Amino acid sequence: MPVALNNVQLEILKLFRNDQPEEELQEIRSLLIAYLADKVTYEADKAFHEKGYTTAIFEKWKQEHFRKTA
């Protein structure tokens, strides 16, 4: 079953119609990864502040064991 491309994928294809050297592909990949990482960090920071979390809570969580036993 074919999968349709989303708007972002189509736009990227339009931008890079011509072959790109491997070095440029690596640079583009790094830029995309950095962009997505920034978005995740922003959303995590936003949730952190909205929920009123403190660094003390995260330090406590680091010491807890969250796995459940069957």
PDB file of N, CA and C in Angstrom:
ATOM      1  N   MET A   1       0.845  -1.174   0.000  1.00  0.00           N
ATOM      2  CA  MET A   1       0.000   0.000   0.000  1.00  0.00           C
ATOM      3  C   MET A   1       0.890   1.238   0.000  1.00  0.00           C
ATOM      4  N   PRO A   2       0.779   2.104  -1.015  1.00  0.00           N
ATOM      5  CA  PRO A   2       1.614   3.299  -1.085  1.00  0.00           C
ATOM      6  C   PRO A   2       1.252   4.293   0.025  1.00  0.00           C
ATOM      7  N   VAL A   3       2.272   4.989   0.484  1.00  0.00           N
ATOM      8  CA  VAL A   3       2.090   5.995   1.525  1.00  0.00           C
ATOM      9  C   VAL A   3       2.332   7.367   0.903  1.00  0.00           C
ATOM     10  N   ALA A   4       1.401   8.286   1.119  1.00  0.00           N
ATOM     11  CA  ALA A   4       1.546   9.641   0.583  1.00  0.00           C
ATOM     12  C   ALA A   4       2.576  10.416   1.398  1.00  0.00           C
ATOM     13  N   LEU A   5       3.292  11.271   0.725  1.00  0.00           N
ATOM     14  CA  LEU A   5       4.261  12.121   1.403  1.00  0.00           C
ATOM     15  C   LEU A   5       3.537  13.298   2.045  1.00  0.00           C
ATOM     16  N   ASN A   6       4.057  13.731   3.192  1.00  0.00           N
ATOM     17  CA  ASN A   6       3.451  14.899   3.836  1.00  0.00           C
ATOM     18  C   ASN A   6       4.044  16.178   3.240  1.00  0.00           C
ATOM     19  N   ASN A   7       3.517  17.326   3.650  1.00  0.00           N
ATOM     20  CA  ASN A   7       3.934  18.616   3.079  1.00  0.00           C
ATOM     21  C   ASN A   7       5.425  18.888   3.288  1.00  0.00           C
ATOM     22  N   VAL A   8       5.952  18.539   4.435  1.00  0.00           N
ATOM     23  CA  VAL A   8       7.374  18.772   4.709  1.00  0.00           C
ATOM     24  C   VAL A   8       8.237  17.933   3.768  1.00  0.00           C
ATOM     25  N   GLN A   9       7.878  16.677   3.599  1.00  0.00           N
ATOM     26  CA  GLN A   9       8.645  15.805   2.721  1.00  0.00           C
ATOM     27  C   GLN A   9       8.621  16.316   1.278  1.00  0.00           C
ATOM     28  N   LEU A  10       7.457  16.744   0.829  1.00  0.00           N
ATOM     29  CA  LEU A  10       7.351  17.276  -0.537  1.00  0.00           C
ATOM     30  C   LEU A  10       8.194  18.533  -0.720  1.00  0.00           C
ATOM     31  N   GLU A  11       8.178  19.404   0.276  1.00  0.00           N
ATOM     32  CA  GLU A  11       8.958  20.644   0.190  1.00  0.00           C
ATOM     33  C   GLU A  11      10.453  20.343   0.139  1.00  0.00           C
ATOM     34  N   ILE A  12      10.895  19.392   0.931  1.00  0.00           N
ATOM     35  CA  ILE A  12      12.316  19.020   0.929  1.00  0.00           C
ATOM     36  C   ILE A  12      12.702  18.433  -0.427  1.00  0.00           C
ATOM     37  N   LEU A  13      11.840  17.622  -0.989  1.00  0.00           N
ATOM     38  CA  LEU A  13      12.123  17.073  -2.318  1.00  0.00           C
ATOM     39  C   LEU A  13      12.257  18.178  -3.363  1.00  0.00           C
ATOM     40  N   LYS A  14      11.413  19.187  -3.289  1.00  0.00           N
ATOM     41  CA  LYS A  14      11.503  20.311  -4.228  1.00  0.00           C
ATOM     42  C   LYS A  14      12.824  21.063  -4.070  1.00  0.00           C
ATOM     43  N   LEU A  15      13.258  21.235  -2.836  1.00  0.00           N
ATOM     44  CA  LEU A  15      14.498  21.978  -2.581  1.00  0.00           C
ATOM     45  C   LEU A  15      15.731  21.260  -3.113  1.00  0.00           C
ATOM     46  N   PHE A  16      15.677  19.939  -3.132  1.00  0.00           N
ATOM     47  CA  PHE A  16      16.862  19.163  -3.481  1.00  0.00           C
ATOM     48  C   PHE A  16      16.609  18.266  -4.689  1.00  0.00           C
ATOM     49  N   ARG A  17      16.161  18.889  -5.761  1.00  0.00           N
ATOM     50  CA  ARG A  17      15.910  18.138  -6.995  1.00  0.00           C
ATOM     51  C   ARG A  17      17.207  17.607  -7.604  1.00  0.00           C
ATOM     52  N   ASN A  18      18.293  18.340  -7.428  1.00  0.00           N
ATOM     53  CA  ASN A  18      19.582  17.940  -7.993  1.00  0.00           C
ATOM     54  C   ASN A  18      20.364  17.120  -6.975  1.00  0.00           C
ATOM     55  N   ASP A  19      21.285  16.326  -7.487  1.00  0.00           N
ATOM     56  CA  ASP A  19      22.133  15.531  -6.597  1.00  0.00           C
ATOM     57  C   ASP A  19      22.947  16.447  -5.688  1.00  0.00           C
ATOM     58  N   GLN A  20      23.097  16.033  -4.465  1.00  0.00           N
ATOM     59  CA  GLN A  20      23.891  16.771  -3.481  1.00  0.00           C
ATOM     60  C   GLN A  20      25.101  15.916  -3.118  1.00  0.00           C
ATOM     61  N   PRO A  21      26.269  16.540  -2.950  1.00  0.00           N
ATOM     62  CA  PRO A  21      27.428  15.769  -2.492  1.00  0.00           C
ATOM     63  C   PRO A  21      27.150  15.192  -1.100  1.00  0.00           C
ATOM     64  N   GLU A  22      27.757  14.093  -0.786  1.00  0.00           N
ATOM     65  CA  GLU A  22      27.555  13.417   0.495  1.00  0.00           C
ATOM     66  C   GLU A  22      27.813  14.352   1.674  1.00  0.00           C
ATOM     67  N   GLU A  23      28.822  15.204   1.556  1.00  0.00           N
ATOM     68  CA  GLU A  23      29.141  16.147   2.637  1.00  0.00           C
ATOM     69  C   GLU A  23      27.963  17.083   2.901  1.00  0.00           C
ATOM     70  N   GLU A  24      27.317  17.563   1.836  1.00  0.00           N
ATOM     71  CA  GLU A  24      26.156  18.441   2.009  1.00  0.00           C
ATOM     72  C   GLU A  24      24.980  17.692   2.612  1.00  0.00           C
ATOM     73  N   LEU A  25      24.796  16.438   2.213  1.00  0.00           N
ATOM     74  CA  LEU A  25      23.722  15.636   2.796  1.00  0.00           C
ATOM     75  C   LEU A  25      23.923  15.480   4.307  1.00  0.00           C
ATOM     76  N   GLN A  26      25.171  15.282   4.714  1.00  0.00           N
ATOM     77  CA  GLN A  26      25.463  15.160   6.145  1.00  0.00           C
ATOM     78  C   GLN A  26      25.166  16.475   6.870  1.00  0.00           C
ATOM     79  N   GLU A  27      25.510  17.588   6.242  1.00  0.00           N
ATOM     80  CA  GLU A  27      25.230  18.897   6.845  1.00  0.00           C
ATOM     81  C   GLU A  27      23.731  19.120   6.984  1.00  0.00           C
ATOM     82  N   ILE A  28      22.989  18.776   5.946  1.00  0.00           N
ATOM     83  CA  ILE A  28      21.533  18.940   5.972  1.00  0.00           C
ATOM     84  C   ILE A  28      20.924  18.054   7.051  1.00  0.00           C
ATOM     85  N   ARG A  29      21.388  16.822   7.134  1.00  0.00           N
ATOM     86  CA  ARG A  29      20.907  15.901   8.161  1.00  0.00           C
ATOM     87  C   ARG A  29      21.169  16.472   9.547  1.00  0.00           C
ATOM     88  N   SER A  30      22.356  17.017   9.755  1.00  0.00           N
ATOM     89  CA  SER A  30      22.696  17.607  11.053  1.00  0.00           C
ATOM     90  C   SER A  30      21.804  18.801  11.374  1.00  0.00           C
ATOM     91  N   LEU A  31      21.528  19.630  10.369  1.00  0.00           N
ATOM     92  CA  LEU A  31      20.642  20.775  10.579  1.00  0.00           C
ATOM     93  C   LEU A  31      19.230  20.338  10.960  1.00  0.00           C
ATOM     94  N   LEU A  32      18.724  19.325  10.263  1.00  0.00           N
ATOM     95  CA  LEU A  32      17.386  18.823  10.575  1.00  0.00           C
ATOM     96  C   LEU A  32      17.325  18.224  11.975  1.00  0.00           C
ATOM     97  N   ILE A  33      18.347  17.485  12.347  1.00  0.00           N
ATOM     98  CA  ILE A  33      18.397  16.891  13.684  1.00  0.00           C
ATOM     99  C   ILE A  33      18.450  17.983  14.746  1.00  0.00           C
ATOM    100  N   ALA A  34      19.265  19.010  14.516  1.00  0.00           N
ATOM    101  CA  ALA A  34      19.366  20.112  15.481  1.00  0.00           C
ATOM    102  C   ALA A  34      18.028  20.843  15.589  1.00  0.00           C
ATOM    103  N   TYR A  35      17.355  21.051  14.471  1.00  0.00           N
ATOM    104  CA  TYR A  35      16.055  21.712  14.472  1.00  0.00           C
ATOM    105  C   TYR A  35      15.040  20.912  15.294  1.00  0.00           C
ATOM    106  N   LEU A  36      14.971  19.616  15.039  1.00  0.00           N
ATOM    107  CA  LEU A  36      14.017  18.782  15.769  1.00  0.00           C
ATOM    108  C   LEU A  36      14.371  18.689  17.250  1.00  0.00           C
ATOM    109  N   ALA A  37      15.654  18.630  17.562  1.00  0.00           N
ATOM    110  CA  ALA A  37      16.088  18.590  18.964  1.00  0.00           C
ATOM    111  C   ALA A  37      15.695  19.878  19.681  1.00  0.00           C
ATOM    112  N   ASP A  38      15.835  21.002  19.005  1.00  0.00           N
ATOM    113  CA  ASP A  38      15.425  22.283  19.590  1.00  0.00           C
ATOM    114  C   ASP A  38      13.927  22.311  19.879  1.00  0.00           C
ATOM    115  N   LYS A  39      13.130  21.765  18.964  1.00  0.00           N
ATOM    116  CA  LYS A  39      11.681  21.721  19.172  1.00  0.00           C
ATOM    117  C   LYS A  39      11.329  20.857  20.374  1.00  0.00           C
ATOM    118  N   VAL A  40      11.977  19.713  20.498  1.00  0.00           N
ATOM    119  CA  VAL A  40      11.716  18.817  21.632  1.00  0.00           C
ATOM    120  C   VAL A  40      12.116  19.497  22.935  1.00  0.00           C
ATOM    121  N   THR A  41      13.270  20.149  22.938  1.00  0.00           N
ATOM    122  CA  THR A  41      13.735  20.846  24.142  1.00  0.00           C
ATOM    123  C   THR A  41      12.769  21.957  24.525  1.00  0.00           C
ATOM    124  N   TYR A  42      12.298  22.710  23.542  1.00  0.00           N
ATOM    125  CA  TYR A  42      11.351  23.786  23.809  1.00  0.00           C
ATOM    126  C   TYR A  42      10.076  23.237  24.450  1.00  0.00           C
ATOM    127  N   GLU A  43       9.537  22.166  23.876  1.00  0.00           N
ATOM    128  CA  GLU A  43       8.303  21.585  24.405  1.00  0.00           C
ATOM    129  C   GLU A  43       8.512  21.008  25.800  1.00  0.00           C
ATOM    130  N   ALA A  44       9.662  20.392  26.034  1.00  0.00           N
ATOM    131  CA  ALA A  44       9.956  19.849  27.365  1.00  0.00           C
ATOM    132  C   ALA A  44      10.070  20.977  28.385  1.00  0.00           C
ATOM    133  N   ASP A  45      10.757  22.052  28.019  1.00  0.00           N
ATOM    134  CA  ASP A  45      10.883  23.206  28.919  1.00  0.00           C
ATOM    135  C   ASP A  45       9.521  23.823  29.216  1.00  0.00           C
ATOM    136  N   LYS A  46       8.693  23.912  28.184  1.00  0.00           N
ATOM    137  CA  LYS A  46       7.361  24.479  28.349  1.00  0.00           C
ATOM    138  C   LYS A  46       6.544  23.631  29.335  1.00  0.00           C
ATOM    139  N   ALA A  47       6.563  22.315  29.160  1.00  0.00           N
ATOM    140  CA  ALA A  47       5.835  21.423  30.066  1.00  0.00           C
ATOM    141  C   ALA A  47       6.407  21.506  31.474  1.00  0.00           C
ATOM    142  N   PHE A  48       7.719  21.599  31.575  1.00  0.00           N
ATOM    143  CA  PHE A  48       8.415  21.716  32.859  1.00  0.00           C
ATOM    144  C   PHE A  48       7.852  22.900  33.639  1.00  0.00           C
ATOM    145  N   HIS A  49       7.723  24.050  32.981  1.00  0.00           N
ATOM    146  CA  HIS A  49       7.243  25.266  33.644  1.00  0.00           C
ATOM    147  C   HIS A  49       5.733  25.226  33.893  1.00  0.00           C
ATOM    148  N   GLU A  50       4.982  24.706  32.919  1.00  0.00           N
ATOM    149  CA  GLU A  50       3.528  24.638  33.082  1.00  0.00           C
ATOM    150  C   GLU A  50       3.122  23.743  34.241  1.00  0.00           C
ATOM    151  N   LYS A  51       3.850  22.669  34.442  1.00  0.00           N
ATOM    152  CA  LYS A  51       3.516  21.723  35.507  1.00  0.00           C
ATOM    153  C   LYS A  51       4.164  22.088  36.837  1.00  0.00           C
ATOM    154  N   GLY A  52       4.988  23.128  36.834  1.00  0.00           N
ATOM    155  CA  GLY A  52       5.615  23.576  38.069  1.00  0.00           C
ATOM    156  C   GLY A  52       6.698  22.648  38.586  1.00  0.00           C
ATOM    157  N   TYR A  53       7.304  21.871  37.691  1.00  0.00           N
ATOM    158  CA  TYR A  53       8.371  20.972  38.120  1.00  0.00           C
ATOM    159  C   TYR A  53       9.599  21.762  38.553  1.00  0.00           C
ATOM    160  N   THR A  54      10.332  21.194  39.459  1.00  0.00           N
ATOM    161  CA  THR A  54      11.584  21.801  39.900  1.00  0.00           C
ATOM    162  C   THR A  54      12.705  20.814  39.627  1.00  0.00           C
ATOM    163  N   THR A  55      13.922  21.294  39.690  1.00  0.00           N
ATOM    164  CA  THR A  55      15.053  20.374  39.499  1.00  0.00           C
ATOM    165  C   THR A  55      15.092  19.334  40.610  1.00  0.00           C
ATOM    166  N   ALA A  56      14.569  19.681  41.773  1.00  0.00           N
ATOM    167  CA  ALA A  56      14.528  18.712  42.881  1.00  0.00           C
ATOM    168  C   ALA A  56      13.657  17.506  42.521  1.00  0.00           C
ATOM    169  N   ILE A  57      12.565  17.752  41.812  1.00  0.00           N
ATOM    170  CA  ILE A  57      11.693  16.643  41.390  1.00  0.00           C
ATOM    171  C   ILE A  57      12.450  15.707  40.454  1.00  0.00           C
ATOM    172  N   PHE A  58      13.185  16.276  39.505  1.00  0.00           N
ATOM    173  CA  PHE A  58      13.931  15.435  38.570  1.00  0.00           C
ATOM    174  C   PHE A  58      15.046  14.663  39.280  1.00  0.00           C
ATOM    175  N   GLU A  59      15.682  15.284  40.241  1.00  0.00           N
ATOM    176  CA  GLU A  59      16.716  14.583  41.009  1.00  0.00           C
ATOM    177  C   GLU A  59      16.095  13.418  41.767  1.00  0.00           C
ATOM    178  N   LYS A  60      14.903  13.621  42.314  1.00  0.00           N
ATOM    179  CA  LYS A  60      14.197  12.552  43.028  1.00  0.00           C
ATOM    180  C   LYS A  60      13.847  11.426  42.056  1.00  0.00           C
ATOM    181  N   TRP A  61      13.334  11.783  40.869  1.00  0.00           N
ATOM    182  CA  TRP A  61      12.968  10.785  39.877  1.00  0.00           C
ATOM    183  C   TRP A  61      14.161   9.954  39.433  1.00  0.00           C
ATOM    184  N   LYS A  62      15.324  10.570  39.381  1.00  0.00           N
ATOM    185  CA  LYS A  62      16.526   9.833  38.968  1.00  0.00           C
ATOM    186  C   LYS A  62      16.845   8.709  39.946  1.00  0.00           C
ATOM    187  N   GLN A  63      16.422   8.862  41.188  1.00  0.00           N
ATOM    188  CA  GLN A  63      16.712   7.850  42.200  1.00  0.00           C
ATOM    189  C   GLN A  63      15.612   6.799  42.306  1.00  0.00           C
ATOM    190  N   GLU A  64      14.450   7.044  41.712  1.00  0.00           N
ATOM    191  CA  GLU A  64      13.330   6.116  41.821  1.00  0.00           C
ATOM    192  C   GLU A  64      13.428   5.019  40.790  1.00  0.00           C
ATOM    193  N   HIS A  65      12.717   3.940  41.100  1.00  0.00           N
ATOM    194  CA  HIS A  65      12.667   2.782  40.234  1.00  0.00           C
ATOM    195  C   HIS A  65      11.238   2.687  39.697  1.00  0.00           C
ATOM    196  N   PHE A  66      11.047   2.941  38.399  1.00  0.00           N
ATOM    197  CA  PHE A  66       9.712   3.026  37.827  1.00  0.00           C
ATOM    198  C   PHE A  66       9.208   1.717  37.221  1.00  0.00           C
ATOM    199  N   ARG A  67      10.057   0.717  37.090  1.00  0.00           N
ATOM    200  CA  ARG A  67       9.596  -0.542  36.500  1.00  0.00           C
ATOM    201  C   ARG A  67       8.617  -1.225  37.423  1.00  0.00           C
ATOM    202  N   LYS A  68       7.611  -1.816  36.818  1.00  0.00           N
ATOM    203  CA  LYS A  68       6.618  -2.538  37.611  1.00  0.00           C
ATOM    204  C   LYS A  68       6.938  -4.023  37.553  1.00  0.00           C
ATOM    205  N   THR A  69       6.716  -4.681  38.664  1.00  0.00           N
ATOM    206  CA  THR A  69       6.916  -6.129  38.673  1.00  0.00           C
ATOM    207  C   THR A  69       5.609  -6.810  38.319  1.00  0.00           C
ATOM    208  N   ALA A  70       5.726  -7.923  37.637  1.00  0.00           N
ATOM    209  CA  ALA A  70       4.514  -8.635  37.188  1.00  0.00           C
ATOM    210  C   ALA A  70       3.894  -9.434  38.298  1.00  0.00           C
TER     211      ALA A  70
END
